[in-house]
Amino acid sequence: MDPTIELVLGGNPVRFTSDGMVFIEDAIKALASEDEYEPACLWDRMKKDHPGILIHCGAYITKEGNSIQTVDIEGMDMIYRLLLEYI
C-alpha cells in the first residue's frame, strides 16, 4: 500500500504524501473542470510560463515505479492563483 492520504474535493480525489506534498494533477483536476481543461496540459503550460514554481515541486515514486509530480503548500498556493489566469 502506498503511504498516501486521499481526500475528496469537489467530487475528485486529491492525494497527498505522508509529508504533506500534494499530487499536482489531482489538485488541478479538483480546482478546474476536467471536462473543459486537461490537468496535465494546464500543468505543462504553468511550468513553461512560470518555471519558478518548480522549486516547490518533487516526485513521488509509486510502488509500481511510476513518478508522480508533487508540490508543497507554497507551490500549491501558486498553482491556485495561476489557475485563475488559465481557466
N, C-alpha and C. Protein backbone atom coordinates (compact mmCIF):
# COMPACT_ATOMS: atom_id res chain seq x y z
N MET A 1 0.84 -1.18 0.00
CA MET A 1 0.00 0.00 0.00
C MET A 1 0.88 1.25 0.00
N ASP A 2 0.59 2.19 -0.89
CA ASP A 2 1.33 3.44 -0.94
C ASP A 2 1.00 4.29 0.27
N PRO A 3 2.00 4.93 0.86
CA PRO A 3 1.73 5.78 2.04
C PRO A 3 1.21 7.15 1.63
N THR A 4 -0.01 7.18 1.08
CA THR A 4 -0.62 8.44 0.70
C THR A 4 -1.94 8.61 1.43
N ILE A 5 -2.37 9.85 1.47
CA ILE A 5 -3.66 10.20 2.06
C ILE A 5 -4.52 10.73 0.92
N GLU A 6 -5.75 10.33 0.87
CA GLU A 6 -6.64 10.77 -0.20
C GLU A 6 -7.84 11.50 0.40
N LEU A 7 -8.09 12.71 -0.10
CA LEU A 7 -9.27 13.48 0.28
C LEU A 7 -10.09 13.71 -0.97
N VAL A 8 -11.38 13.80 -0.82
CA VAL A 8 -12.25 14.08 -1.97
C VAL A 8 -12.63 15.55 -1.90
N LEU A 9 -12.27 16.29 -2.95
CA LEU A 9 -12.58 17.72 -3.04
C LEU A 9 -13.35 17.96 -4.33
N GLY A 10 -14.53 18.51 -4.20
CA GLY A 10 -15.35 18.76 -5.38
C GLY A 10 -15.68 17.50 -6.15
N GLY A 11 -15.77 16.38 -5.44
CA GLY A 11 -16.08 15.11 -6.09
C GLY A 11 -14.87 14.43 -6.70
N ASN A 12 -13.70 15.02 -6.57
CA ASN A 12 -12.48 14.45 -7.14
C ASN A 12 -11.50 14.07 -6.04
N PRO A 13 -10.87 12.89 -6.16
CA PRO A 13 -9.88 12.52 -5.17
C PRO A 13 -8.59 13.32 -5.35
N VAL A 14 -8.04 13.82 -4.26
CA VAL A 14 -6.76 14.53 -4.27
C VAL A 14 -5.86 13.80 -3.29
N ARG A 15 -4.73 13.31 -3.81
CA ARG A 15 -3.81 12.55 -2.98
C ARG A 15 -2.71 13.45 -2.43
N PHE A 16 -2.30 13.13 -1.21
CA PHE A 16 -1.23 13.81 -0.51
C PHE A 16 -0.23 12.75 -0.06
N THR A 17 1.04 13.12 -0.04
CA THR A 17 2.04 12.22 0.52
C THR A 17 1.99 12.34 2.03
N SER A 18 2.62 11.41 2.71
CA SER A 18 2.62 11.44 4.17
C SER A 18 3.34 12.66 4.73
N ASP A 19 4.21 13.29 3.92
CA ASP A 19 4.90 14.50 4.39
C ASP A 19 4.24 15.79 3.90
N GLY A 20 3.00 15.69 3.38
CA GLY A 20 2.21 16.88 3.06
C GLY A 20 2.31 17.40 1.65
N MET A 21 3.01 16.71 0.76
CA MET A 21 3.07 17.14 -0.63
C MET A 21 1.76 16.75 -1.33
N VAL A 22 1.31 17.58 -2.26
CA VAL A 22 0.05 17.37 -2.98
C VAL A 22 0.36 16.84 -4.37
N PHE A 23 -0.41 15.88 -4.83
CA PHE A 23 -0.27 15.40 -6.20
C PHE A 23 -0.84 16.49 -7.12
N ILE A 24 0.02 17.06 -7.94
CA ILE A 24 -0.31 18.26 -8.71
C ILE A 24 -1.53 18.07 -9.61
N GLU A 25 -1.53 17.06 -10.43
CA GLU A 25 -2.63 16.91 -11.38
C GLU A 25 -3.95 16.60 -10.68
N ASP A 26 -3.90 15.92 -9.53
CA ASP A 26 -5.12 15.69 -8.75
C ASP A 26 -5.71 17.03 -8.30
N ALA A 27 -4.83 17.89 -7.78
CA ALA A 27 -5.29 19.19 -7.27
C ALA A 27 -5.84 20.05 -8.39
N ILE A 28 -5.16 20.08 -9.52
CA ILE A 28 -5.65 20.87 -10.65
C ILE A 28 -7.00 20.35 -11.12
N LYS A 29 -7.14 19.04 -11.18
CA LYS A 29 -8.42 18.44 -11.60
C LYS A 29 -9.55 18.83 -10.65
N ALA A 30 -9.25 18.89 -9.35
CA ALA A 30 -10.28 19.26 -8.37
C ALA A 30 -10.65 20.73 -8.46
N LEU A 31 -9.70 21.57 -8.87
CA LEU A 31 -9.94 23.01 -8.91
C LEU A 31 -10.48 23.50 -10.25
N ALA A 32 -10.19 22.78 -11.31
CA ALA A 32 -10.65 23.17 -12.65
C ALA A 32 -11.52 22.06 -13.21
N SER A 33 -12.47 22.41 -14.02
CA SER A 33 -13.34 21.41 -14.62
C SER A 33 -12.56 20.61 -15.65
N GLU A 34 -12.41 19.29 -15.38
CA GLU A 34 -11.65 18.45 -16.31
C GLU A 34 -12.35 18.35 -17.66
N ASP A 35 -13.67 18.55 -17.67
CA ASP A 35 -14.39 18.49 -18.95
C ASP A 35 -13.91 19.58 -19.90
N GLU A 36 -13.50 20.72 -19.34
CA GLU A 36 -13.03 21.83 -20.16
C GLU A 36 -11.52 21.93 -20.23
N TYR A 37 -10.83 21.50 -19.17
CA TYR A 37 -9.39 21.68 -19.06
C TYR A 37 -8.72 20.38 -18.66
N GLU A 38 -7.75 19.97 -19.42
CA GLU A 38 -6.97 18.78 -19.10
C GLU A 38 -5.90 19.15 -18.08
N PRO A 39 -5.91 18.54 -16.89
CA PRO A 39 -4.94 18.90 -15.85
C PRO A 39 -3.48 18.85 -16.30
N ALA A 40 -3.11 17.82 -17.04
CA ALA A 40 -1.71 17.71 -17.49
C ALA A 40 -1.33 18.86 -18.42
N CYS A 41 -2.24 19.28 -19.27
CA CYS A 41 -1.96 20.39 -20.19
C CYS A 41 -1.83 21.71 -19.42
N LEU A 42 -2.73 21.93 -18.47
CA LEU A 42 -2.64 23.15 -17.66
C LEU A 42 -1.32 23.18 -16.90
N TRP A 43 -0.93 22.05 -16.32
CA TRP A 43 0.31 21.99 -15.56
C TRP A 43 1.52 22.24 -16.47
N ASP A 44 1.52 21.67 -17.66
CA ASP A 44 2.61 21.90 -18.61
C ASP A 44 2.73 23.37 -18.98
N ARG A 45 1.60 24.03 -19.19
CA ARG A 45 1.62 25.47 -19.51
C ARG A 45 2.14 26.29 -18.35
N MET A 46 1.71 25.95 -17.13
CA MET A 46 2.17 26.68 -15.94
C MET A 46 3.68 26.56 -15.78
N LYS A 47 4.20 25.34 -15.93
CA LYS A 47 5.64 25.13 -15.79
C LYS A 47 6.41 25.94 -16.83
N LYS A 48 5.90 25.97 -18.04
CA LYS A 48 6.58 26.71 -19.12
C LYS A 48 6.52 28.22 -18.86
N ASP A 49 5.36 28.72 -18.48
CA ASP A 49 5.17 30.16 -18.29
C ASP A 49 5.74 30.67 -16.96
N HIS A 50 5.81 29.81 -15.96
CA HIS A 50 6.23 30.21 -14.60
C HIS A 50 7.19 29.16 -14.04
N PRO A 51 8.38 29.03 -14.61
CA PRO A 51 9.30 27.96 -14.17
C PRO A 51 9.74 28.06 -12.72
N GLY A 52 9.60 29.22 -12.10
CA GLY A 52 9.96 29.36 -10.69
C GLY A 52 9.16 28.46 -9.78
N ILE A 53 8.01 28.03 -10.23
CA ILE A 53 7.18 27.15 -9.40
C ILE A 53 7.86 25.81 -9.16
N LEU A 54 8.77 25.44 -10.03
CA LEU A 54 9.40 24.12 -9.93
C LEU A 54 10.25 23.95 -8.68
N ILE A 55 10.65 25.04 -8.03
CA ILE A 55 11.43 24.89 -6.80
C ILE A 55 10.57 24.31 -5.67
N HIS A 56 9.27 24.33 -5.86
CA HIS A 56 8.34 23.81 -4.86
C HIS A 56 7.89 22.38 -5.17
N CYS A 57 8.44 21.81 -6.24
CA CYS A 57 7.96 20.52 -6.72
C CYS A 57 8.92 19.39 -6.39
N GLY A 58 8.36 18.20 -6.38
CA GLY A 58 9.13 16.99 -6.17
C GLY A 58 8.46 15.86 -6.93
N ALA A 59 8.91 14.66 -6.67
CA ALA A 59 8.34 13.49 -7.33
C ALA A 59 8.03 12.43 -6.28
N TYR A 60 6.92 11.78 -6.45
CA TYR A 60 6.53 10.67 -5.60
C TYR A 60 6.63 9.42 -6.46
N ILE A 61 7.35 8.43 -5.98
CA ILE A 61 7.51 7.18 -6.72
C ILE A 61 6.55 6.16 -6.13
N THR A 62 5.64 5.66 -6.97
CA THR A 62 4.68 4.66 -6.51
C THR A 62 5.37 3.30 -6.37
N LYS A 63 4.68 2.37 -5.75
CA LYS A 63 5.25 1.03 -5.58
C LYS A 63 5.47 0.35 -6.93
N GLU A 64 4.74 0.82 -7.96
CA GLU A 64 4.93 0.29 -9.31
C GLU A 64 6.10 0.94 -10.03
N GLY A 65 6.68 1.97 -9.42
CA GLY A 65 7.82 2.65 -10.03
C GLY A 65 7.45 3.87 -10.86
N ASN A 66 6.18 4.26 -10.85
CA ASN A 66 5.75 5.44 -11.59
C ASN A 66 6.11 6.70 -10.79
N SER A 67 6.48 7.74 -11.49
CA SER A 67 6.80 9.01 -10.86
C SER A 67 5.63 9.97 -11.05
N ILE A 68 5.13 10.51 -9.93
CA ILE A 68 4.02 11.45 -9.97
C ILE A 68 4.51 12.76 -9.39
N GLN A 69 4.28 13.86 -10.11
CA GLN A 69 4.75 15.16 -9.65
C GLN A 69 3.92 15.64 -8.46
N THR A 70 4.63 16.18 -7.47
CA THR A 70 4.00 16.70 -6.26
C THR A 70 4.47 18.13 -6.02
N VAL A 71 3.76 18.81 -5.14
CA VAL A 71 4.10 20.20 -4.84
C VAL A 71 3.85 20.45 -3.35
N ASP A 72 4.67 21.34 -2.79
CA ASP A 72 4.46 21.70 -1.38
C ASP A 72 3.36 22.75 -1.27
N ILE A 73 3.04 23.15 -0.05
CA ILE A 73 1.91 24.06 0.17
C ILE A 73 2.13 25.42 -0.47
N GLU A 74 3.37 25.93 -0.46
CA GLU A 74 3.64 27.22 -1.10
C GLU A 74 3.43 27.12 -2.61
N GLY A 75 3.88 26.03 -3.19
CA GLY A 75 3.68 25.81 -4.62
C GLY A 75 2.22 25.62 -4.97
N MET A 76 1.48 24.95 -4.08
CA MET A 76 0.05 24.76 -4.32
C MET A 76 -0.68 26.09 -4.30
N ASP A 77 -0.26 26.98 -3.42
CA ASP A 77 -0.84 28.32 -3.39
C ASP A 77 -0.57 29.04 -4.71
N MET A 78 0.64 28.89 -5.25
CA MET A 78 0.97 29.50 -6.54
C MET A 78 0.10 28.91 -7.65
N ILE A 79 -0.04 27.59 -7.65
CA ILE A 79 -0.87 26.93 -8.68
C ILE A 79 -2.30 27.44 -8.61
N TYR A 80 -2.83 27.53 -7.41
CA TYR A 80 -4.19 28.01 -7.23
C TYR A 80 -4.36 29.42 -7.84
N ARG A 81 -3.42 30.31 -7.53
CA ARG A 81 -3.50 31.66 -8.07
C ARG A 81 -3.31 31.69 -9.59
N LEU A 82 -2.41 30.87 -10.08
CA LEU A 82 -2.16 30.83 -11.53
C LEU A 82 -3.34 30.25 -12.30
N LEU A 83 -4.06 29.33 -11.68
CA LEU A 83 -5.22 28.74 -12.37
C LEU A 83 -6.20 29.80 -12.82
N LEU A 84 -6.30 30.87 -12.06
CA LEU A 84 -7.23 31.94 -12.44
C LEU A 84 -6.86 32.55 -13.79
N GLU A 85 -5.59 32.50 -14.16
CA GLU A 85 -5.15 33.00 -15.47
C GLU A 85 -5.47 32.03 -16.60
N TYR A 86 -5.57 30.76 -16.27
CA TYR A 86 -5.66 29.72 -17.31
C TYR A 86 -7.09 29.19 -17.53
N ILE A 87 -7.98 29.43 -16.58
CA ILE A 87 -9.34 28.90 -16.77
C ILE A 87 -10.35 30.04 -16.87
